[in-house]
PDB file of N, CA and C in Angstrom:
ATOM      1  N   MET A   1      69.656 -55.884  70.580  1.00  0.00           N
ATOM      2  CA  MET A   1      69.319 -55.549  69.388  1.00  0.00           C
ATOM      3  C   MET A   1      69.046 -57.018  68.781  1.00  0.00           C
ATOM      4  N   ALA A   2      69.702 -58.272  69.091  1.00  0.00           N
ATOM      5  CA  ALA A   2      69.238 -59.342  68.171  1.00  0.00           C
ATOM      6  C   ALA A   2      67.938 -59.960  68.803  1.00  0.00           C
ATOM      7  N   GLY A   3      67.488 -59.597  69.959  1.00  0.00           N
ATOM      8  CA  GLY A   3      65.986 -60.013  70.406  1.00  0.00           C
ATOM      9  C   GLY A   3      65.366 -59.443  69.380  1.00  0.00           C
ATOM     10  N   LEU A   4      65.544 -58.057  69.022  1.00  0.00           N
ATOM     11  CA  LEU A   4      64.675 -57.427  68.502  1.00  0.00           C
ATOM     12  C   LEU A   4      64.317 -58.121  66.938  1.00  0.00           C
ATOM     13  N   ILE A   5      65.541 -58.280  66.629  1.00  0.00           N
ATOM     14  CA  ILE A   5      65.554 -58.793  65.230  1.00  0.00           C
ATOM     15  C   ILE A   5      64.973 -60.223  65.059  1.00  0.00           C
ATOM     16  N   TYR A   6      65.176 -61.214  65.941  1.00  0.00           N
ATOM     17  CA  TYR A   6      64.502 -62.547  66.211  1.00  0.00           C
ATOM     18  C   TYR A   6      62.791 -62.082  66.032  1.00  0.00           C
ATOM     19  N   SER A   7      62.788 -61.522  67.228  1.00  0.00           N
ATOM     20  CA  SER A   7      61.128 -61.156  67.137  1.00  0.00           C
ATOM     21  C   SER A   7      60.686 -60.590  65.853  1.00  0.00           C
ATOM     22  N   LEU A   8      61.191 -59.516  65.129  1.00  0.00           N
ATOM     23  CA  LEU A   8      60.855 -59.171  64.243  1.00  0.00           C
ATOM     24  C   LEU A   8      60.648 -60.264  62.962  1.00  0.00           C
ATOM     25  N   CYS A   9      61.795 -61.125  62.829  1.00  0.00           N
ATOM     26  CA  CYS A   9      61.591 -62.258  62.005  1.00  0.00           C
ATOM     27  C   CYS A   9      60.218 -63.084  62.209  1.00  0.00           C
ATOM     28  N   ALA A  10      60.085 -63.626  63.463  1.00  0.00           N
ATOM     29  CA  ALA A  10      58.819 -64.361  64.059  1.00  0.00           C
ATOM     30  C   ALA A  10      57.554 -63.704  63.508  1.00  0.00           C
ATOM     31  N   LEU A  11      57.575 -62.258  63.591  1.00  0.00           N
ATOM     32  CA  LEU A  11      56.289 -61.776  63.465  1.00  0.00           C
ATOM     33  C   LEU A  11      56.079 -61.574  61.831  1.00  0.00           C
ATOM     34  N   THR A  12      56.986 -61.182  60.987  1.00  0.00           N
ATOM     35  CA  THR A  12      56.976 -61.378  59.819  1.00  0.00           C
ATOM     36  C   THR A  12      56.642 -62.644  59.042  1.00  0.00           C
ATOM     37  N   ALA A  13      57.013 -64.045  59.661  1.00  0.00           N
ATOM     38  CA  ALA A  13      56.759 -64.958  59.263  1.00  0.00           C
ATOM     39  C   ALA A  13      54.927 -65.383  59.584  1.00  0.00           C
ATOM     40  N   PHE A  14      54.780 -65.074  60.936  1.00  0.00           N
ATOM     41  CA  PHE A  14      53.238 -65.155  61.155  1.00  0.00           C
ATOM     42  C   PHE A  14      52.665 -64.076  60.063  1.00  0.00           C
ATOM     43  N   ALA A  15      53.095 -62.985  60.172  1.00  0.00           N
ATOM     44  CA  ALA A  15      52.142 -62.196  59.058  1.00  0.00           C
ATOM     45  C   ALA A  15      51.969 -62.836  57.656  1.00  0.00           C
ATOM     46  N   CYS A  16      53.153 -63.478  57.304  1.00  0.00           N
ATOM     47  CA  CYS A  16      52.987 -64.211  55.977  1.00  0.00           C
ATOM     48  C   CYS A  16      51.898 -65.354  55.904  1.00  0.00           C
ATOM     49  N   ALA A  17      51.957 -66.156  56.941  1.00  0.00           N
ATOM     50  CA  ALA A  17      51.354 -67.387  57.055  1.00  0.00           C
ATOM     51  C   ALA A  17      49.760 -66.683  57.024  1.00  0.00           C
ATOM     52  N   PHE A  18      49.433 -65.795  58.126  1.00  0.00           N
ATOM     53  CA  PHE A  18      48.272 -65.375  58.020  1.00  0.00           C
ATOM     54  C   PHE A  18      47.596 -65.007  56.710  1.00  0.00           C
ATOM     55  N   LEU A  19      48.639 -64.175  55.986  1.00  0.00           N
ATOM     56  CA  LEU A  19      48.129 -63.613  54.546  1.00  0.00           C
ATOM     57  C   LEU A  19      47.583 -64.478  53.591  1.00  0.00           C
ATOM     58  N   ILE A  20      48.795 -65.466  53.556  1.00  0.00           N
ATOM     59  CA  ILE A  20      48.633 -66.368  52.570  1.00  0.00           C
ATOM     60  C   ILE A  20      47.454 -67.398  52.644  1.00  0.00           C
ATOM     61  N   LEU A  21      47.247 -67.820  54.017  1.00  0.00           N
ATOM     62  CA  LEU A  21      46.243 -68.826  54.427  1.00  0.00           C
ATOM     63  C   LEU A  21      44.780 -67.961  54.292  1.00  0.00           C
ATOM     64  N   ARG A  22      44.832 -66.749  54.248  1.00  0.00           N
ATOM     65  CA  ARG A  22      43.477 -65.897  54.074  1.00  0.00           C
ATOM     66  C   ARG A  22      43.444 -65.691  52.631  1.00  0.00           C
ATOM     67  N   SER A  23      44.400 -65.734  51.761  1.00  0.00           N
ATOM     68  CA  SER A  23      44.393 -65.844  50.393  1.00  0.00           C
ATOM     69  C   SER A  23      44.006 -67.141  49.906  1.00  0.00           C
ATOM     70  N   TYR A  24      44.397 -68.527  50.692  1.00  0.00           N
ATOM     71  CA  TYR A  24      43.744 -69.704  50.363  1.00  0.00           C
ATOM     72  C   TYR A  24      42.293 -69.841  50.528  1.00  0.00           C
ATOM     73  N   ILE A  25      41.874 -69.171  51.739  1.00  0.00           N
ATOM     74  CA  ILE A  25      40.561 -69.232  51.924  1.00  0.00           C
ATOM     75  C   ILE A  25      39.708 -68.621  50.697  1.00  0.00           C
ATOM     76  N   ARG A  26      40.262 -67.403  50.298  1.00  0.00           N
ATOM     77  CA  ARG A  26      39.421 -66.796  49.135  1.00  0.00           C
ATOM     78  C   ARG A  26      39.303 -67.299  47.928  1.00  0.00           C
ATOM     79  N   HIS A  27      40.681 -67.918  47.377  1.00  0.00           N
ATOM     80  CA  HIS A  27      40.767 -68.557  46.087  1.00  0.00           C
ATOM     81  C   HIS A  27      40.806 -70.031  45.885  1.00  0.00           C
ATOM     82  N   ARG A  28      41.109 -70.588  47.144  1.00  0.00           N
ATOM     83  CA  ARG A  28      41.343 -72.030  47.121  1.00  0.00           C
ATOM     84  C   ARG A  28      42.373 -72.602  46.012  1.00  0.00           C
ATOM     85  N   HIS A  29      43.456 -72.184  46.003  1.00  0.00           N
ATOM     86  CA  HIS A  29      44.494 -72.545  45.260  1.00  0.00           C
ATOM     87  C   HIS A  29      45.369 -73.215  46.364  1.00  0.00           C
ATOM     88  N   ARG A  30      45.750 -74.586  45.873  1.00  0.00           N
ATOM     89  CA  ARG A  30      46.176 -75.757  46.985  1.00  0.00           C
ATOM     90  C   ARG A  30      47.706 -75.144  47.101  1.00  0.00           C
ATOM     91  N   LEU A  31      48.188 -74.459  46.044  1.00  0.00           N
ATOM     92  CA  LEU A  31      49.457 -74.181  46.699  1.00  0.00           C
ATOM     93  C   LEU A  31      49.808 -72.913  47.599  1.00  0.00           C
ATOM     94  N   LEU A  32      48.705 -72.229  47.684  1.00  0.00           N
ATOM     95  CA  LEU A  32      48.771 -71.397  48.578  1.00  0.00           C
ATOM     96  C   LEU A  32      48.407 -72.063  50.134  1.00  0.00           C
ATOM     97  N   LEU A  33      47.784 -73.054  49.831  1.00  0.00           N
ATOM     98  CA  LEU A  33      47.624 -73.805  51.408  1.00  0.00           C
ATOM     99  C   LEU A  33      48.831 -74.407  51.743  1.00  0.00           C
ATOM    100  N   TRP A  34      49.576 -74.865  50.856  1.00  0.00           N
ATOM    101  CA  TRP A  34      51.063 -75.499  51.078  1.00  0.00           C
ATOM    102  C   TRP A  34      51.934 -74.711  51.707  1.00  0.00           C
ATOM    103  N   SER A  35      51.705 -73.289  51.024  1.00  0.00           N
ATOM    104  CA  SER A  35      52.872 -72.272  51.419  1.00  0.00           C
ATOM    105  C   SER A  35      52.202 -71.814  52.715  1.00  0.00           C
ATOM    106  N   GLY A  36      51.281 -71.545  52.820  1.00  0.00           N
ATOM    107  CA  GLY A  36      50.759 -70.842  54.072  1.00  0.00           C
ATOM    108  C   GLY A  36      51.305 -71.870  55.352  1.00  0.00           C
ATOM    109  N   LEU A  37      51.256 -73.239  55.255  1.00  0.00           N
ATOM    110  CA  LEU A  37      51.535 -74.152  56.129  1.00  0.00           C
ATOM    111  C   LEU A  37      53.212 -73.942  56.388  1.00  0.00           C
ATOM    112  N   CYS A  38      53.715 -73.777  55.422  1.00  0.00           N
ATOM    113  CA  CYS A  38      55.388 -73.595  55.448  1.00  0.00           C
ATOM    114  C   CYS A  38      55.523 -72.483  56.428  1.00  0.00           C
ATOM    115  N   PHE A  39      54.648 -71.432  55.911  1.00  0.00           N
ATOM    116  CA  PHE A  39      55.126 -70.278  56.964  1.00  0.00           C
ATOM    117  C   PHE A  39      54.600 -70.172  58.313  1.00  0.00           C
ATOM    118  N   VAL A  40      53.565 -71.256  58.343  1.00  0.00           N
ATOM    119  CA  VAL A  40      53.139 -71.357  59.923  1.00  0.00           C
ATOM    120  C   VAL A  40      54.411 -72.096  60.809  1.00  0.00           C
ATOM    121  N   GLY A  41      55.095 -73.143  60.076  1.00  0.00           N
ATOM    122  CA  GLY A  41      56.094 -73.456  60.670  1.00  0.00           C
ATOM    123  C   GLY A  41      57.703 -72.950  60.628  1.00  0.00           C
ATOM    124  N   MET A  42      57.662 -71.866  59.846  1.00  0.00           N
ATOM    125  CA  MET A  42      58.476 -71.111  60.004  1.00  0.00           C
ATOM    126  C   MET A  42      58.461 -69.984  60.972  1.00  0.00           C
ATOM    127  N   ALA A  43      57.236 -69.579  61.264  1.00  0.00           N
ATOM    128  CA  ALA A  43      56.839 -68.704  62.463  1.00  0.00           C
ATOM    129  C   ALA A  43      57.282 -69.542  63.678  1.00  0.00           C
ATOM    130  N   ALA A  44      56.939 -70.908  63.966  1.00  0.00           N
ATOM    131  CA  ALA A  44      57.186 -71.396  64.850  1.00  0.00           C
ATOM    132  C   ALA A  44      58.885 -71.759  65.014  1.00  0.00           C
ATOM    133  N   ASN A  45      59.275 -72.141  64.023  1.00  0.00           N
ATOM    134  CA  ASN A  45      60.972 -72.204  64.187  1.00  0.00           C
ATOM    135  C   ASN A  45      61.350 -70.621  64.655  1.00  0.00           C
ATOM    136  N   ASN A  46      61.029 -69.773  64.110  1.00  0.00           N
ATOM    137  CA  ASN A  46      61.310 -68.305  64.674  1.00  0.00           C
ATOM    138  C   ASN A  46      61.152 -68.112  66.413  1.00  0.00           C
ATOM    139  N   LEU A  47      59.813 -68.762  66.471  1.00  0.00           N
ATOM    140  CA  LEU A  47      59.502 -68.320  68.040  1.00  0.00           C
ATOM    141  C   LEU A  47      60.607 -69.338  68.938  1.00  0.00           C
ATOM    142  N   LEU A  48      60.794 -70.655  68.134  1.00  0.00           N
ATOM    143  CA  LEU A  48      61.772 -71.468  69.046  1.00  0.00           C
ATOM    144  C   LEU A  48      63.169 -71.034  69.060  1.00  0.00           C
ATOM    145  N   LEU A  49      63.522 -69.897  68.184  1.00  0.00           N
ATOM    146  CA  LEU A  49      64.585 -69.364  68.137  1.00  0.00           C
ATOM    147  C   LEU A  49      64.954 -68.157  69.360  1.00  0.00           C
ATOM    148  N   VAL A  50      63.510 -67.575  69.287  1.00  0.00           N
ATOM    149  CA  VAL A  50      63.424 -66.442  70.369  1.00  0.00           C
ATOM    150  C   VAL A  50      63.663 -67.006  71.793  1.00  0.00           C
ATOM    151  N   ILE A  51      62.708 -68.269  71.955  1.00  0.00           N
ATOM    152  CA  ILE A  51      62.781 -68.789  73.149  1.00  0.00           C
ATOM    153  C   ILE A  51      64.081 -69.372  73.634  1.00  0.00           C
ATOM    154  N   ASP A  52      65.051 -69.766  72.373  1.00  0.00           N
ATOM    155  CA  ASP A  52      66.393 -70.364  72.647  1.00  0.00           C
ATOM    156  C   ASP A  52      67.291 -69.451  73.223  1.00  0.00           C
ATOM    157  N   ARG A  53      67.187 -68.288  72.355  1.00  0.00           N
ATOM    158  CA  ARG A  53      68.519 -67.380  72.442  1.00  0.00           C
ATOM    159  C   ARG A  53      67.899 -66.345  73.684  1.00  0.00           C
ATOM    160  N   LEU A  54      66.813 -66.045  73.938  1.00  0.00           N
ATOM    161  CA  LEU A  54      66.472 -64.906  74.611  1.00  0.00           C
ATOM    162  C   LEU A  54      65.947 -65.556  76.145  1.00  0.00           C
ATOM    163  N   LEU A  55      64.992 -66.568  76.303  1.00  0.00           N
ATOM    164  CA  LEU A  55      64.404 -66.794  77.368  1.00  0.00           C
ATOM    165  C   LEU A  55      65.291 -67.749  78.360  1.00  0.00           C
ATOM    166  N   VAL A  56      65.672 -68.961  77.387  1.00  0.00           N
ATOM    167  CA  VAL A  56      66.369 -69.760  78.028  1.00  0.00           C
ATOM    168  C   VAL A  56      67.584 -70.189  77.431  1.00  0.00           C
ATOM    169  N   PRO A  57      68.846 -69.159  77.653  1.00  0.00           N
ATOM    170  CA  PRO A  57      69.892 -68.991  76.929  1.00  0.00           C
ATOM    171  C   PRO A  57      70.985 -70.099  77.598  1.00  0.00           C
ATOM    172  N   GLY A  58      70.626 -70.993  78.536  1.00  0.00           N
ATOM    173  CA  GLY A  58      71.403 -71.898  78.923  1.00  0.00           C
ATOM    174  C   GLY A  58      71.074 -73.295  78.306  1.00  0.00           C
ATOM    175  N   THR A  59      69.926 -73.370  77.849  1.00  0.00           N
ATOM    176  CA  THR A  59      69.531 -74.672  76.947  1.00  0.00           C
ATOM    177  C   THR A  59      69.702 -74.700  75.816  1.00  0.00           C
ATOM    178  N   ASP A  60      70.011 -75.568  74.995  1.00  0.00           N
ATOM    179  CA  ASP A  60      70.155 -75.598  73.635  1.00  0.00           C
ATOM    180  C   ASP A  60      69.057 -76.433  73.004  1.00  0.00           C
ATOM    181  N   LEU A  61      68.463 -75.692  72.290  1.00  0.00           N
ATOM    182  CA  LEU A  61      66.904 -75.951  71.549  1.00  0.00           C
ATOM    183  C   LEU A  61      67.313 -76.063  69.951  1.00  0.00           C
ATOM    184  N   SER A  62      68.624 -76.440  69.725  1.00  0.00           N
ATOM    185  CA  SER A  62      68.770 -76.549  68.348  1.00  0.00           C
ATOM    186  C   SER A  62      68.309 -77.794  67.461  1.00  0.00           C
ATOM    187  N   ILE A  63      68.198 -78.724  68.059  1.00  0.00           N
ATOM    188  CA  ILE A  63      67.334 -79.984  67.508  1.00  0.00           C
ATOM    189  C   ILE A  63      66.292 -79.676  67.241  1.00  0.00           C
ATOM    190  N   TRP A  64      65.442 -79.010  68.415  1.00  0.00           N
ATOM    191  CA  TRP A  64      63.917 -78.790  68.251  1.00  0.00           C
ATOM    192  C   TRP A  64      63.796 -77.673  66.993  1.00  0.00           C
ATOM    193  N   ARG A  65      64.805 -76.601  66.940  1.00  0.00           N
ATOM    194  CA  ARG A  65      64.601 -75.720  65.827  1.00  0.00           C
ATOM    195  C   ARG A  65      64.855 -76.325  64.463  1.00  0.00           C
ATOM    196  N   LEU A  66      65.599 -77.186  64.363  1.00  0.00           N
ATOM    197  CA  LEU A  66      65.996 -78.060  63.033  1.00  0.00           C
ATOM    198  C   LEU A  66      64.922 -78.816  62.607  1.00  0.00           C
ATOM    199  N   GLY A  67      64.190 -79.734  63.791  1.00  0.00           N
ATOM    200  CA  GLY A  67      62.940 -80.290  63.607  1.00  0.00           C
ATOM    201  C   GLY A  67      61.799 -79.800  62.737  1.00  0.00           C
ATOM    202  N   THR A  68      61.601 -78.225  63.492  1.00  0.00           N
ATOM    203  CA  THR A  68      60.328 -77.559  63.276  1.00  0.00           C
ATOM    204  C   THR A  68      60.729 -77.088  61.606  1.00  0.00           C
ATOM    205  N   ALA A  69      62.126 -76.591  61.495  1.00  0.00           N
ATOM    206  CA  ALA A  69      62.470 -76.248  60.023  1.00  0.00           C
ATOM    207  C   ALA A  69      62.439 -77.244  58.884  1.00  0.00           C
ATOM    208  N   LEU A  70      62.556 -78.249  59.498  1.00  0.00           N
ATOM    209  CA  LEU A  70      62.349 -79.728  58.620  1.00  0.00           C
ATOM    210  C   LEU A  70      60.672 -79.684  58.076  1.00  0.00           C
ATOM    211  N   ALA A  71      59.862 -79.938  59.283  1.00  0.00           N
ATOM    212  CA  ALA A  71      58.133 -79.983  59.203  1.00  0.00           C
ATOM    213  C   ALA A  71      57.675 -78.737  58.586  1.00  0.00           C
ATOM    214  N   ALA A  72      58.464 -77.546  58.519  1.00  0.00           N
ATOM    215  CA  ALA A  72      57.894 -76.533  57.960  1.00  0.00           C
ATOM    216  C   ALA A  72      57.947 -76.745  56.369  1.00  0.00           C
ATOM    217  N   LEU A  73      59.241 -77.164  55.856  1.00  0.00           N
ATOM    218  CA  LEU A  73      59.503 -77.053  54.555  1.00  0.00           C
ATOM    219  C   LEU A  73      58.646 -78.501  53.868  1.00  0.00           C
ATOM    220  N   LEU A  74      58.296 -79.503  54.723  1.00  0.00           N
ATOM    221  CA  LEU A  74      58.006 -80.666  54.038  1.00  0.00           C
ATOM    222  C   LEU A  74      56.580 -80.422  53.647  1.00  0.00           C
ATOM    223  N   PRO A  75      55.523 -79.408  54.106  1.00  0.00           N
ATOM    224  CA  PRO A  75      54.327 -79.377  53.227  1.00  0.00           C
ATOM    225  C   PRO A  75      54.603 -78.673  51.658  1.00  0.00           C
ATOM    226  N   LEU A  76      55.292 -77.518  51.946  1.00  0.00           N
ATOM    227  CA  LEU A  76      55.834 -76.896  50.735  1.00  0.00           C
ATOM    228  C   LEU A  76      56.386 -77.927  49.709  1.00  0.00           C
ATOM    229  N   LEU A  77      57.421 -78.679  49.816  1.00  0.00           N
ATOM    230  CA  LEU A  77      57.912 -79.645  49.321  1.00  0.00           C
ATOM    231  C   LEU A  77      56.894 -80.805  48.462  1.00  0.00           C
ATOM    232  N   TYR A  78      55.988 -81.187  49.675  1.00  0.00           N
ATOM    233  CA  TYR A  78      54.765 -81.991  48.879  1.00  0.00           C
ATOM    234  C   TYR A  78      53.838 -81.402  47.981  1.00  0.00           C
ATOM    235  N   GLY A  79      53.510 -80.006  48.022  1.00  0.00           N
ATOM    236  CA  GLY A  79      52.974 -79.124  47.470  1.00  0.00           C
ATOM    237  C   GLY A  79      53.066 -79.196  45.987  1.00  0.00           C
ATOM    238  N   LEU A  80      54.685 -78.434  45.856  1.00  0.00           N
ATOM    239  CA  LEU A  80      55.742 -78.724  44.660  1.00  0.00           C
ATOM    240  C   LEU A  80      55.743 -79.959  43.825  1.00  0.00           C
ATOM    241  N   ILE A  81      55.777 -80.875  44.409  1.00  0.00           N
ATOM    242  CA  ILE A  81      56.044 -82.187  43.859  1.00  0.00           C
ATOM    243  C   ILE A  81      54.957 -82.756  43.575  1.00  0.00           C
ATOM    244  N   TRP A  82      53.814 -82.948  44.115  1.00  0.00           N
ATOM    245  CA  TRP A  82      52.816 -83.819  44.159  1.00  0.00           C
ATOM    246  C   TRP A  82      51.287 -83.083  43.383  1.00  0.00           C
ATOM    247  N   GLU A  83      51.300 -81.735  43.441  1.00  0.00           N
ATOM    248  CA  GLU A  83      49.724 -81.193  43.292  1.00  0.00           C
ATOM    249  C   GLU A  83      50.236 -81.046  41.700  1.00  0.00           C
ATOM    250  N   GLU A  84      48.854 -81.163  41.166  1.00  0.00           N
ATOM    251  CA  GLU A  84      48.705 -80.876  39.953  1.00  0.00           C
ATOM    252  C   GLU A  84      47.664 -79.701  39.716  1.00  0.00           C
ATOM    253  N   GLU A  85      47.928 -78.800  38.585  1.00  0.00           N
ATOM    254  CA  GLU A  85      46.796 -77.800  37.846  1.00  0.00           C
ATOM    255  C   GLU A  85      46.570 -77.941  36.464  1.00  0.00           C
TER     256      GLU A  85
END
């Protein structure tokens, strides 16, 4: 059951990233770009969670997951602080 939930979270983050980046291509609002990149990183983070918990349960990928979570939030943080409209 946990594997299904982890997979659905990864698919949801990927779908959000796809929709947000598609909207960025149409409207060219910079905040959509930063949000889309954030969700790409979140999808990668969730994919690492699936790999960590289901495919290789004997290894600890928590440092890699935390690193991707930090990398995912940095573009959004940059966009919220430095972008002007």
